[in-house]
Full PDB file with SEQRES, HELIX, SHEET, SSBOND, CRYST1, ORIGX, SCALE, CONECT and MASTER records, all heavy atoms in Angstrom:
SEQRES   1 A   42  GLY SER VAL LYS LEU GLU LEU GLN ALA ASP CYS TYR ALA          
SEQRES   2 A   42  GLY VAL TRP ALA TYR ALA ALA THR ARG THR PRO GLN ALA          
SEQRES   3 A   42  SER THR GLY ARG PRO LEU ILE THR SER LEU THR ASP ALA          
SEQRES   4 A   42  ASP ILE ALA                                                  
HELIX    1 AA1 SER A    2  ALA A   19  1                                  18    
HELIX    2 AA2 ASP A   38  ILE A   41  1                                   4    
CRYST1    1.000    1.000    1.000  90.00  90.00  90.00 P 1           1          
ORIGX1      1.000000  0.000000  0.000000        0.00000                         
ORIGX2      0.000000  1.000000  0.000000        0.00000                         
ORIGX3      0.000000  0.000000  1.000000        0.00000                         
SCALE1      1.000000  0.000000  0.000000        0.00000                         
SCALE2      0.000000  1.000000  0.000000        0.00000                         
SCALE3      0.000000  0.000000  1.000000        0.00000                         
ATOM      1  N   GLY A   1      18.710 -16.181  -2.100  1.00  0.00           N  
ATOM      2  CA  GLY A   1      17.813 -15.815  -1.031  1.00  0.00           C  
ATOM      3  C   GLY A   1      17.660 -14.312  -0.908  1.00  0.00           C  
ATOM      4  O   GLY A   1      16.582 -13.808  -0.569  1.00  0.00           O  
ATOM      5  N   SER A   2      18.735 -13.576  -1.187  1.00  0.00           N  
ATOM      6  CA  SER A   2      18.667 -12.125  -1.112  1.00  0.00           C  
ATOM      7  C   SER A   2      17.661 -11.567  -2.124  1.00  0.00           C  
ATOM      8  O   SER A   2      16.839 -10.706  -1.783  1.00  0.00           O  
ATOM      9  CB  SER A   2      20.053 -11.521  -1.382  1.00  0.00           C  
ATOM     10  OG  SER A   2      19.997 -10.107  -1.406  1.00  0.00           O  
ATOM     11  N   VAL A   3      17.726 -12.062  -3.363  1.00  0.00           N  
ATOM     12  CA  VAL A   3      16.787 -11.605  -4.388  1.00  0.00           C  
ATOM     13  C   VAL A   3      15.357 -11.958  -3.994  1.00  0.00           C  
ATOM     14  O   VAL A   3      14.430 -11.147  -4.116  1.00  0.00           O  
ATOM     15  CB  VAL A   3      17.144 -12.217  -5.762  1.00  0.00           C  
ATOM     16  CG1 VAL A   3      15.995 -12.048  -6.751  1.00  0.00           C  
ATOM     17  CG2 VAL A   3      18.410 -11.575  -6.305  1.00  0.00           C  
ATOM     18  N   LYS A   4      15.149 -13.154  -3.490  1.00  0.00           N  
ATOM     19  CA  LYS A   4      13.803 -13.568  -3.082  1.00  0.00           C  
ATOM     20  C   LYS A   4      13.276 -12.676  -1.956  1.00  0.00           C  
ATOM     21  O   LYS A   4      12.089 -12.338  -1.926  1.00  0.00           O  
ATOM     22  CB  LYS A   4      13.816 -15.027  -2.639  1.00  0.00           C  
ATOM     23  CG  LYS A   4      14.107 -16.003  -3.787  1.00  0.00           C  
ATOM     24  CD  LYS A   4      14.248 -17.439  -3.277  1.00  0.00           C  
ATOM     25  CE  LYS A   4      14.569 -18.383  -4.414  1.00  0.00           C  
ATOM     26  NZ  LYS A   4      14.787 -19.778  -3.933  1.00  0.00           N  
ATOM     27  N   LEU A   5      14.170 -12.297  -1.039  1.00  0.00           N  
ATOM     28  CA  LEU A   5      13.770 -11.426   0.068  1.00  0.00           C  
ATOM     29  C   LEU A   5      13.342 -10.059  -0.458  1.00  0.00           C  
ATOM     30  O   LEU A   5      12.322  -9.507  -0.034  1.00  0.00           O  
ATOM     31  CB  LEU A   5      14.936 -11.275   1.047  1.00  0.00           C  
ATOM     32  CG  LEU A   5      14.598 -10.659   2.410  1.00  0.00           C  
ATOM     33  CD1 LEU A   5      13.906 -11.691   3.299  1.00  0.00           C  
ATOM     34  CD2 LEU A   5      15.865 -10.141   3.084  1.00  0.00           C  
ATOM     35  N   GLU A   6      14.130  -9.510  -1.381  1.00  0.00           N  
ATOM     36  CA  GLU A   6      13.815  -8.185  -1.913  1.00  0.00           C  
ATOM     37  C   GLU A   6      12.525  -8.194  -2.720  1.00  0.00           C  
ATOM     38  O   GLU A   6      11.716  -7.273  -2.630  1.00  0.00           O  
ATOM     39  CB  GLU A   6      14.976  -7.684  -2.779  1.00  0.00           C  
ATOM     40  CG  GLU A   6      16.276  -7.502  -2.048  1.00  0.00           C  
ATOM     41  CD  GLU A   6      16.184  -6.499  -0.912  1.00  0.00           C  
ATOM     42  OE1 GLU A   6      15.352  -5.553  -1.003  1.00  0.00           O  
ATOM     43  OE2 GLU A   6      16.924  -6.632   0.063  1.00  0.00           O  
ATOM     44  N   LEU A   7      12.316  -9.228  -3.518  1.00  0.00           N  
ATOM     45  CA  LEU A   7      11.096  -9.315  -4.316  1.00  0.00           C  
ATOM     46  C   LEU A   7       9.872  -9.477  -3.418  1.00  0.00           C  
ATOM     47  O   LEU A   7       8.800  -8.928  -3.719  1.00  0.00           O  
ATOM     48  CB  LEU A   7      11.190 -10.455  -5.318  1.00  0.00           C  
ATOM     49  CG  LEU A   7      12.282 -10.320  -6.386  1.00  0.00           C  
ATOM     50  CD1 LEU A   7      12.291 -11.542  -7.296  1.00  0.00           C  
ATOM     51  CD2 LEU A   7      12.092  -9.047  -7.205  1.00  0.00           C  
ATOM     52  N   GLN A   8      10.019 -10.205  -2.330  1.00  0.00           N  
ATOM     53  CA  GLN A   8       8.902 -10.325  -1.406  1.00  0.00           C  
ATOM     54  C   GLN A   8       8.583  -8.988  -0.760  1.00  0.00           C  
ATOM     55  O   GLN A   8       7.395  -8.635  -0.576  1.00  0.00           O  
ATOM     56  CB  GLN A   8       9.219 -11.357  -0.322  1.00  0.00           C  
ATOM     57  CG  GLN A   8       8.039 -11.635   0.608  1.00  0.00           C  
ATOM     58  CD  GLN A   8       8.366 -12.714   1.608  1.00  0.00           C  
ATOM     59  OE1 GLN A   8       9.267 -12.567   2.424  1.00  0.00           O  
ATOM     60  NE2 GLN A   8       7.625 -13.828   1.541  1.00  0.00           N  
ATOM     61  N   ALA A   9       9.595  -8.203  -0.438  1.00  0.00           N  
ATOM     62  CA  ALA A   9       9.360  -6.869   0.123  1.00  0.00           C  
ATOM     63  C   ALA A   9       8.650  -5.987  -0.885  1.00  0.00           C  
ATOM     64  O   ALA A   9       7.792  -5.156  -0.513  1.00  0.00           O  
ATOM     65  CB  ALA A   9      10.673  -6.239   0.570  1.00  0.00           C  
ATOM     66  N   ASP A  10       8.968  -6.119  -2.171  1.00  0.00           N  
ATOM     67  CA  ASP A  10       8.236  -5.407  -3.217  1.00  0.00           C  
ATOM     68  C   ASP A  10       6.774  -5.832  -3.226  1.00  0.00           C  
ATOM     69  O   ASP A  10       5.865  -5.007  -3.370  1.00  0.00           O  
ATOM     70  CB  ASP A  10       8.849  -5.669  -4.586  1.00  0.00           C  
ATOM     71  CG  ASP A  10      10.100  -4.872  -4.847  1.00  0.00           C  
ATOM     72  OD1 ASP A  10      10.257  -3.786  -4.264  1.00  0.00           O  
ATOM     73  OD2 ASP A  10      10.941  -5.331  -5.651  1.00  0.00           O  
ATOM     74  N   CYS A  11       6.522  -7.115  -3.090  1.00  0.00           N  
ATOM     75  CA  CYS A  11       5.164  -7.625  -3.071  1.00  0.00           C  
ATOM     76  C   CYS A  11       4.402  -7.090  -1.856  1.00  0.00           C  
ATOM     77  O   CYS A  11       3.232  -6.677  -1.975  1.00  0.00           O  
ATOM     78  CB  CYS A  11       5.180  -9.159  -3.062  1.00  0.00           C  
ATOM     79  SG  CYS A  11       3.558  -9.926  -3.274  1.00  0.00           S  
ATOM     80  N   TYR A  12       5.047  -7.061  -0.717  1.00  0.00           N  
ATOM     81  CA  TYR A  12       4.404  -6.516   0.477  1.00  0.00           C  
ATOM     82  C   TYR A  12       4.081  -5.027   0.298  1.00  0.00           C  
ATOM     83  O   TYR A  12       3.062  -4.545   0.802  1.00  0.00           O  
ATOM     84  CB  TYR A  12       5.296  -6.713   1.692  1.00  0.00           C  
ATOM     85  CG  TYR A  12       5.342  -8.131   2.222  1.00  0.00           C  
ATOM     86  CD1 TYR A  12       6.338  -8.530   3.106  1.00  0.00           C  
ATOM     87  CD2 TYR A  12       4.383  -9.073   1.857  1.00  0.00           C  
ATOM     88  CE1 TYR A  12       6.377  -9.828   3.616  1.00  0.00           C  
ATOM     89  CE2 TYR A  12       4.420 -10.366   2.354  1.00  0.00           C  
ATOM     90  CZ  TYR A  12       5.423 -10.729   3.234  1.00  0.00           C  
ATOM     91  OH  TYR A  12       5.462 -12.018   3.732  1.00  0.00           O  
ATOM     92  N   ALA A  13       4.953  -4.302  -0.404  1.00  0.00           N  
ATOM     93  CA  ALA A  13       4.655  -2.899  -0.712  1.00  0.00           C  
ATOM     94  C   ALA A  13       3.393  -2.797  -1.549  1.00  0.00           C  
ATOM     95  O   ALA A  13       2.560  -1.903  -1.348  1.00  0.00           O  
ATOM     96  CB  ALA A  13       5.832  -2.247  -1.431  1.00  0.00           C  
ATOM     97  N   GLY A  14       3.222  -3.715  -2.495  1.00  0.00           N  
ATOM     98  CA  GLY A  14       2.021  -3.731  -3.306  1.00  0.00           C  
ATOM     99  C   GLY A  14       0.775  -4.069  -2.494  1.00  0.00           C  
ATOM    100  O   GLY A  14      -0.299  -3.496  -2.727  1.00  0.00           O  
ATOM    101  N   VAL A  15       0.907  -4.986  -1.544  1.00  0.00           N  
ATOM    102  CA  VAL A  15      -0.218  -5.339  -0.672  1.00  0.00           C  
ATOM    103  C   VAL A  15      -0.677  -4.111   0.108  1.00  0.00           C  
ATOM    104  O   VAL A  15      -1.888  -3.844   0.233  1.00  0.00           O  
ATOM    105  CB  VAL A  15       0.164  -6.482   0.272  1.00  0.00           C  
ATOM    106  CG1 VAL A  15      -0.911  -6.710   1.333  1.00  0.00           C  
ATOM    107  CG2 VAL A  15       0.415  -7.772  -0.496  1.00  0.00           C  
ATOM    108  N   TRP A  16       0.266  -3.348   0.651  1.00  0.00           N  
ATOM    109  CA  TRP A  16      -0.107  -2.108   1.337  1.00  0.00           C  
ATOM    110  C   TRP A  16      -0.809  -1.141   0.394  1.00  0.00           C  
ATOM    111  O   TRP A  16      -1.846  -0.550   0.740  1.00  0.00           O  
ATOM    112  CB  TRP A  16       1.119  -1.421   1.945  1.00  0.00           C  
ATOM    113  CG  TRP A  16       0.836   0.032   2.215  1.00  0.00           C  
ATOM    114  CD1 TRP A  16       0.087   0.533   3.242  1.00  0.00           C  
ATOM    115  CD2 TRP A  16       1.231   1.145   1.417  1.00  0.00           C  
ATOM    116  NE1 TRP A  16      -0.004   1.905   3.125  1.00  0.00           N  
ATOM    117  CE2 TRP A  16       0.680   2.297   2.016  1.00  0.00           C  
ATOM    118  CE3 TRP A  16       2.000   1.282   0.260  1.00  0.00           C  
ATOM    119  CZ2 TRP A  16       0.891   3.576   1.493  1.00  0.00           C  
ATOM    120  CZ3 TRP A  16       2.201   2.550  -0.277  1.00  0.00           C  
ATOM    121  CH2 TRP A  16       1.648   3.671   0.347  1.00  0.00           C  
ATOM    122  N   ALA A  17      -0.266  -0.976  -0.839  1.00  0.00           N  
ATOM    123  CA  ALA A  17      -0.862  -0.044  -1.789  1.00  0.00           C  
ATOM    124  C   ALA A  17      -2.317  -0.423  -2.084  1.00  0.00           C  
ATOM    125  O   ALA A  17      -3.188   0.456  -2.217  1.00  0.00           O  
ATOM    126  CB  ALA A  17      -0.045  -0.007  -3.076  1.00  0.00           C  
ATOM    127  N   TYR A  18      -2.579  -1.727  -2.192  1.00  0.00           N  
ATOM    128  CA  TYR A  18      -3.946  -2.194  -2.421  1.00  0.00           C  
ATOM    129  C   TYR A  18      -4.892  -1.720  -1.316  1.00  0.00           C  
ATOM    130  O   TYR A  18      -6.035  -1.331  -1.572  1.00  0.00           O  
ATOM    131  CB  TYR A  18      -3.944  -3.724  -2.482  1.00  0.00           C  
ATOM    132  CG  TYR A  18      -5.316  -4.358  -2.484  1.00  0.00           C  
ATOM    133  CD1 TYR A  18      -6.014  -4.570  -3.673  1.00  0.00           C  
ATOM    134  CD2 TYR A  18      -5.926  -4.742  -1.279  1.00  0.00           C  
ATOM    135  CE1 TYR A  18      -7.271  -5.146  -3.663  1.00  0.00           C  
ATOM    136  CE2 TYR A  18      -7.188  -5.321  -1.260  1.00  0.00           C  
ATOM    137  CZ  TYR A  18      -7.863  -5.516  -2.453  1.00  0.00           C  
ATOM    138  OH  TYR A  18      -9.102  -6.084  -2.450  1.00  0.00           O  
ATOM    139  N   ALA A  19      -4.400  -1.731  -0.089  1.00  0.00           N  
ATOM    140  CA  ALA A  19      -5.247  -1.422   1.070  1.00  0.00           C  
ATOM    141  C   ALA A  19      -5.169   0.027   1.521  1.00  0.00           C  
ATOM    142  O   ALA A  19      -5.930   0.439   2.406  1.00  0.00           O  
ATOM    143  CB  ALA A  19      -4.853  -2.340   2.236  1.00  0.00           C  
ATOM    144  N   ALA A  20      -4.282   0.807   0.934  1.00  0.00           N  
ATOM    145  CA  ALA A  20      -3.983   2.139   1.477  1.00  0.00           C  
ATOM    146  C   ALA A  20      -5.202   3.046   1.539  1.00  0.00           C  
ATOM    147  O   ALA A  20      -5.365   3.813   2.496  1.00  0.00           O  
ATOM    148  CB  ALA A  20      -2.885   2.804   0.638  1.00  0.00           C  
ATOM    149  N   THR A  21      -6.060   2.999   0.552  1.00  0.00           N  
ATOM    150  CA  THR A  21      -7.237   3.870   0.544  1.00  0.00           C  
ATOM    151  C   THR A  21      -8.453   3.191   1.174  1.00  0.00           C  
ATOM    152  O   THR A  21      -9.563   3.739   1.149  1.00  0.00           O  
ATOM    153  CB  THR A  21      -7.594   4.290  -0.894  1.00  0.00           C  
ATOM    154  OG1 THR A  21      -7.845   3.120  -1.692  1.00  0.00           O  
ATOM    155  CG2 THR A  21      -6.463   5.094  -1.512  1.00  0.00           C  
ATOM    156  N   ARG A  22      -8.249   2.007   1.754  1.00  0.00           N  
ATOM    157  CA  ARG A  22      -9.330   1.259   2.375  1.00  0.00           C  
ATOM    158  C   ARG A  22      -9.182   1.127   3.895  1.00  0.00           C  
ATOM    159  O   ARG A  22     -10.124   0.752   4.584  1.00  0.00           O  
ATOM    160  CB  ARG A  22      -9.401  -0.155   1.790  1.00  0.00           C  
ATOM    161  CG  ARG A  22      -9.689  -0.224   0.305  1.00  0.00           C  
ATOM    162  CD  ARG A  22      -9.550  -1.673  -0.176  1.00  0.00           C  
ATOM    163  NE  ARG A  22     -10.005  -1.879  -1.541  1.00  0.00           N  
ATOM    164  CZ  ARG A  22      -9.248  -1.741  -2.604  1.00  0.00           C  
ATOM    165  NH1 ARG A  22      -7.977  -1.400  -2.470  1.00  0.00           N  
ATOM    166  NH2 ARG A  22      -9.744  -1.955  -3.814  1.00  0.00           N  
ATOM    167  N   THR A  23      -7.988   1.387   4.415  1.00  0.00           N  
ATOM    168  CA  THR A  23      -7.700   1.166   5.838  1.00  0.00           C  
ATOM    169  C   THR A  23      -7.962   2.441   6.635  1.00  0.00           C  
ATOM    170  O   THR A  23      -7.245   3.437   6.465  1.00  0.00           O  
ATOM    171  CB  THR A  23      -6.238   0.723   6.036  1.00  0.00           C  
ATOM    172  OG1 THR A  23      -5.966  -0.408   5.200  1.00  0.00           O  
ATOM    173  CG2 THR A  23      -5.974   0.374   7.489  1.00  0.00           C  
ATOM    174  N   PRO A  24      -8.953   2.449   7.505  1.00  0.00           N  
ATOM    175  CA  PRO A  24      -9.280   3.676   8.241  1.00  0.00           C  
ATOM    176  C   PRO A  24      -8.306   3.959   9.381  1.00  0.00           C  
ATOM    177  O   PRO A  24      -7.746   3.046   9.974  1.00  0.00           O  
ATOM    178  CB  PRO A  24     -10.680   3.403   8.785  1.00  0.00           C  
ATOM    179  CG  PRO A  24     -10.728   1.905   8.931  1.00  0.00           C  
ATOM    180  CD  PRO A  24      -9.901   1.353   7.802  1.00  0.00           C  
ATOM    181  N   GLN A  25      -8.117   5.232   9.654  1.00  0.00           N  
ATOM    182  CA  GLN A  25      -7.395   5.655  10.843  1.00  0.00           C  
ATOM    183  C   GLN A  25      -8.297   5.516  12.062  1.00  0.00           C  
ATOM    184  O   GLN A  25      -9.497   5.812  11.993  1.00  0.00           O  
ATOM    185  CB  GLN A  25      -6.976   7.121  10.733  1.00  0.00           C  
ATOM    186  CG  GLN A  25      -5.628   7.380  10.130  1.00  0.00           C  
ATOM    187  CD  GLN A  25      -5.201   8.810  10.395  1.00  0.00           C  
ATOM    188  OE1 GLN A  25      -5.957   9.749  10.185  1.00  0.00           O  
ATOM    189  NE2 GLN A  25      -3.987   8.982  10.887  1.00  0.00           N  
ATOM    190  N   ALA A  26      -7.730   5.102  13.164  1.00  0.00           N  
ATOM    191  CA  ALA A  26      -8.529   4.975  14.382  1.00  0.00           C  
ATOM    192  C   ALA A  26      -9.073   6.327  14.828  1.00  0.00           C  
ATOM    193  O   ALA A  26     -10.202   6.432  15.333  1.00  0.00           O  
ATOM    194  CB  ALA A  26      -7.691   4.341  15.489  1.00  0.00           C  
ATOM    195  N   SER A  27      -8.306   7.391  14.644  1.00  0.00           N  
ATOM    196  CA  SER A  27      -8.699   8.713  15.150  1.00  0.00           C  
ATOM    197  C   SER A  27      -9.818   9.360  14.351  1.00  0.00           C  
ATOM    198  O   SER A  27     -10.599  10.150  14.901  1.00  0.00           O  
ATOM    199  CB  SER A  27      -7.487   9.651  15.179  1.00  0.00           C  
ATOM    200  OG  SER A  27      -6.953   9.807  13.877  1.00  0.00           O  
ATOM    201  N   THR A  28      -9.910   9.038  13.071  1.00  0.00           N  
ATOM    202  CA  THR A  28     -10.916   9.694  12.229  1.00  0.00           C  
ATOM    203  C   THR A  28     -11.951   8.735  11.656  1.00  0.00           C  
ATOM    204  O   THR A  28     -13.028   9.171  11.248  1.00  0.00           O  
ATOM    205  CB  THR A  28     -10.245  10.412  11.039  1.00  0.00           C  
ATOM    206  OG1 THR A  28      -9.627   9.435  10.179  1.00  0.00           O  
ATOM    207  CG2 THR A  28      -9.205  11.423  11.522  1.00  0.00           C  
ATOM    208  N   GLY A  29     -11.616   7.450  11.600  1.00  0.00           N  
ATOM    209  CA  GLY A  29     -12.498   6.489  10.963  1.00  0.00           C  
ATOM    210  C   GLY A  29     -12.426   6.548   9.454  1.00  0.00           C  
ATOM    211  O   GLY A  29     -13.171   5.850   8.761  1.00  0.00           O  
ATOM    212  N   ARG A  30     -11.507   7.360   8.925  1.00  0.00           N  
ATOM    213  CA  ARG A  30     -11.321   7.496   7.472  1.00  0.00           C  
ATOM    214  C   ARG A  30      -9.899   7.107   7.087  1.00  0.00           C  
ATOM    215  O   ARG A  30      -8.970   7.266   7.890  1.00  0.00           O  
ATOM    216  CB  ARG A  30     -11.558   8.952   7.033  1.00  0.00           C  
ATOM    217  CG  ARG A  30     -12.912   9.508   7.386  1.00  0.00           C  
ATOM    218  CD  ARG A  30     -13.096  10.905   6.780  1.00  0.00           C  
ATOM    219  NE  ARG A  30     -12.062  11.839   7.219  1.00  0.00           N  
ATOM    220  CZ  ARG A  30     -12.140  12.606   8.304  1.00  0.00           C  
ATOM    221  NH1 ARG A  30     -13.199  12.513   9.095  1.00  0.00           N  
ATOM    222  NH2 ARG A  30     -11.162  13.444   8.612  1.00  0.00           N  
ATOM    223  N   PRO A  31      -9.693   6.622   5.870  1.00  0.00           N  
ATOM    224  CA  PRO A  31      -8.333   6.310   5.429  1.00  0.00           C  
ATOM    225  C   PRO A  31      -7.481   7.571   5.408  1.00  0.00           C  
ATOM    226  O   PRO A  31      -7.956   8.648   5.022  1.00  0.00           O  
ATOM    227  CB  PRO A  31      -8.532   5.751   4.018  1.00  0.00           C  
ATOM    228  CG  PRO A  31      -9.937   5.247   3.996  1.00  0.00           C  
ATOM    229  CD  PRO A  31     -10.704   6.209   4.877  1.00  0.00           C  
ATOM    230  N   LEU A  32      -6.238   7.455   5.822  1.00  0.00           N  
ATOM    231  CA  LEU A  32      -5.310   8.582   5.773  1.00  0.00           C  
ATOM    232  C   LEU A  32      -5.033   8.978   4.326  1.00  0.00           C  
ATOM    233  O   LEU A  32      -4.934  10.161   3.980  1.00  0.00           O  
ATOM    234  CB  LEU A  32      -4.009   8.211   6.489  1.00  0.00           C  
ATOM    235  CG  LEU A  32      -2.865   9.221   6.489  1.00  0.00           C  
ATOM    236  CD1 LEU A  32      -3.318  10.582   6.988  1.00  0.00           C  
ATOM    237  CD2 LEU A  32      -1.708   8.696   7.336  1.00  0.00           C  
ATOM    238  N   ILE A  33      -4.878   7.976   3.452  1.00  0.00           N  
ATOM    239  CA  ILE A  33      -4.675   8.236   2.029  1.00  0.00           C  
ATOM    240  C   ILE A  33      -6.033   8.160   1.335  1.00  0.00           C  
ATOM    241  O   ILE A  33      -6.704   7.134   1.368  1.00  0.00           O  
ATOM    242  CB  ILE A  33      -3.693   7.230   1.406  1.00  0.00           C  
ATOM    243  CG1 ILE A  33      -2.311   7.389   2.055  1.00  0.00           C  
ATOM    244  CG2 ILE A  33      -3.587   7.429  -0.108  1.00  0.00           C  
ATOM    245  CD1 ILE A  33      -1.278   6.411   1.566  1.00  0.00           C  
ATOM    246  N   THR A  34      -6.439   9.261   0.738  1.00  0.00           N  
ATOM    247  CA  THR A  34      -7.781   9.335   0.160  1.00  0.00           C  
ATOM    248  C   THR A  34      -7.812   8.988  -1.319  1.00  0.00           C  
ATOM    249  O   THR A  34      -8.859   8.633  -1.860  1.00  0.00           O  
ATOM    250  CB  THR A  34      -8.353  10.747   0.333  1.00  0.00           C  
ATOM    251  OG1 THR A  34      -7.511  11.697  -0.329  1.00  0.00           O  
ATOM    252  CG2 THR A  34      -8.459  11.100   1.812  1.00  0.00           C  
ATOM    253  N   SER A  35      -6.644   9.078  -1.997  1.00  0.00           N  
ATOM    254  CA  SER A  35      -6.639   8.848  -3.434  1.00  0.00           C  
ATOM    255  C   SER A  35      -5.307   8.299  -3.902  1.00  0.00           C  
ATOM    256  O   SER A  35      -4.252   8.846  -3.580  1.00  0.00           O  
ATOM    257  CB  SER A  35      -6.936  10.168  -4.175  1.00  0.00           C  
ATOM    258  OG  SER A  35      -6.784  10.000  -5.578  1.00  0.00           O  
ATOM    259  N   LEU A  36      -5.361   7.201  -4.660  1.00  0.00           N  
ATOM    260  CA  LEU A  36      -4.219   6.690  -5.417  1.00  0.00           C  
ATOM    261  C   LEU A  36      -4.698   6.493  -6.850  1.00  0.00           C  
ATOM    262  O   LEU A  36      -5.634   5.728  -7.094  1.00  0.00           O  
ATOM    263  CB  LEU A  36      -3.717   5.351  -4.856  1.00  0.00           C  
ATOM    264  CG  LEU A  36      -2.819   5.377  -3.625  1.00  0.00           C  
ATOM    265  CD1 LEU A  36      -2.400   3.949  -3.260  1.00  0.00           C  
ATOM    266  CD2 LEU A  36      -1.584   6.238  -3.871  1.00  0.00           C  
ATOM    267  N   THR A  37      -4.083   7.158  -7.773  1.00  0.00           N  
ATOM    268  CA  THR A  37      -4.486   7.080  -9.173  1.00  0.00           C  
ATOM    269  C   THR A  37      -3.656   6.059  -9.930  1.00  0.00           C  
ATOM    270  O   THR A  37      -2.627   5.565  -9.436  1.00  0.00           O  
ATOM    271  CB  THR A  37      -4.320   8.437  -9.851  1.00  0.00           C  
ATOM    272  OG1 THR A  37      -2.922   8.761  -9.917  1.00  0.00           O  
ATOM    273  CG2 THR A  37      -5.058   9.535  -9.067  1.00  0.00           C  
ATOM    274  N   ASP A  38      -4.095   5.751 -11.130  1.00  0.00           N  
ATOM    275  CA  ASP A  38      -3.318   4.868 -12.004  1.00  0.00           C  
ATOM    276  C   ASP A  38      -1.926   5.466 -12.256  1.00  0.00           C  
ATOM    277  O   ASP A  38      -0.940   4.737 -12.365  1.00  0.00           O  
ATOM    278  CB  ASP A  38      -4.041   4.645 -13.330  1.00  0.00           C  
ATOM    279  CG  ASP A  38      -5.279   3.800 -13.190  1.00  0.00           C  
ATOM    280  OD1 ASP A  38      -5.436   3.126 -12.155  1.00  0.00           O  
ATOM    281  OD2 ASP A  38      -6.117   3.813 -14.123  1.00  0.00           O  
ATOM    282  N   ALA A  39      -1.868   6.794 -12.359  1.00  0.00           N  
ATOM    283  CA  ALA A  39      -0.577   7.453 -12.575  1.00  0.00           C  
ATOM    284  C   ALA A  39       0.341   7.268 -11.361  1.00  0.00           C  
ATOM    285  O   ALA A  39       1.564   7.119 -11.515  1.00  0.00           O  
ATOM    286  CB  ALA A  39      -0.785   8.944 -12.846  1.00  0.00           C  
ATOM    287  N   ASP A  40      -0.224   7.266 -10.162  1.00  0.00           N  
ATOM    288  CA  ASP A  40       0.580   7.016  -8.955  1.00  0.00           C  
ATOM    289  C   ASP A  40       1.188   5.615  -9.001  1.00  0.00           C  
ATOM    290  O   ASP A  40       2.389   5.445  -8.749  1.00  0.00           O  
ATOM    291  CB  ASP A  40      -0.290   7.152  -7.703  1.00  0.00           C  
ATOM    292  CG  ASP A  40      -0.701   8.586  -7.414  1.00  0.00           C  
ATOM    293  OD1 ASP A  40       0.120   9.493  -7.654  1.00  0.00           O  
ATOM    294  OD2 ASP A  40      -1.837   8.781  -6.945  1.00  0.00           O  
ATOM    295  N   ILE A  41       0.362   4.632  -9.293  1.00  0.00           N  
ATOM    296  CA  ILE A  41       0.850   3.251  -9.348  1.00  0.00           C  
ATOM    297  C   ILE A  41       1.897   3.109 -10.438  1.00  0.00           C  
ATOM    298  O   ILE A  41       2.923   2.430 -10.248  1.00  0.00           O  
ATOM    299  CB  ILE A  41      -0.310   2.271  -9.563  1.00  0.00           C  
ATOM    300  CG1 ILE A  41      -1.323   2.377  -8.428  1.00  0.00           C  
ATOM    301  CG2 ILE A  41       0.219   0.845  -9.673  1.00  0.00           C  
ATOM    302  CD1 ILE A  41      -0.756   2.158  -7.044  1.00  0.00           C  
ATOM    303  N   ALA A  42       1.687   3.765 -11.556  1.00  0.00           N  
ATOM    304  CA  ALA A  42       2.679   3.718 -12.639  1.00  0.00           C  
ATOM    305  C   ALA A  42       4.010   4.306 -12.185  1.00  0.00           C  
ATOM    306  O   ALA A  42       5.088   3.805 -12.557  1.00  0.00           O  
ATOM    307  CB  ALA A  42       2.153   4.474 -13.848  1.00  0.00           C  
TER     308      ALA A  42                                                      
MASTER        0    0    0    2    0    0    0    6  307    1    0    4          
END                                                                             
């Protein structure tokens, strides 16, 4: 169960990364993170 929990947390980190440049800030209406490159993901 411990391994499954950790792997799921890794997956959730990936879900955030997918949305990071798409989710706008309420204060600006723009994403806080403007760029994630292939090198960043690597």
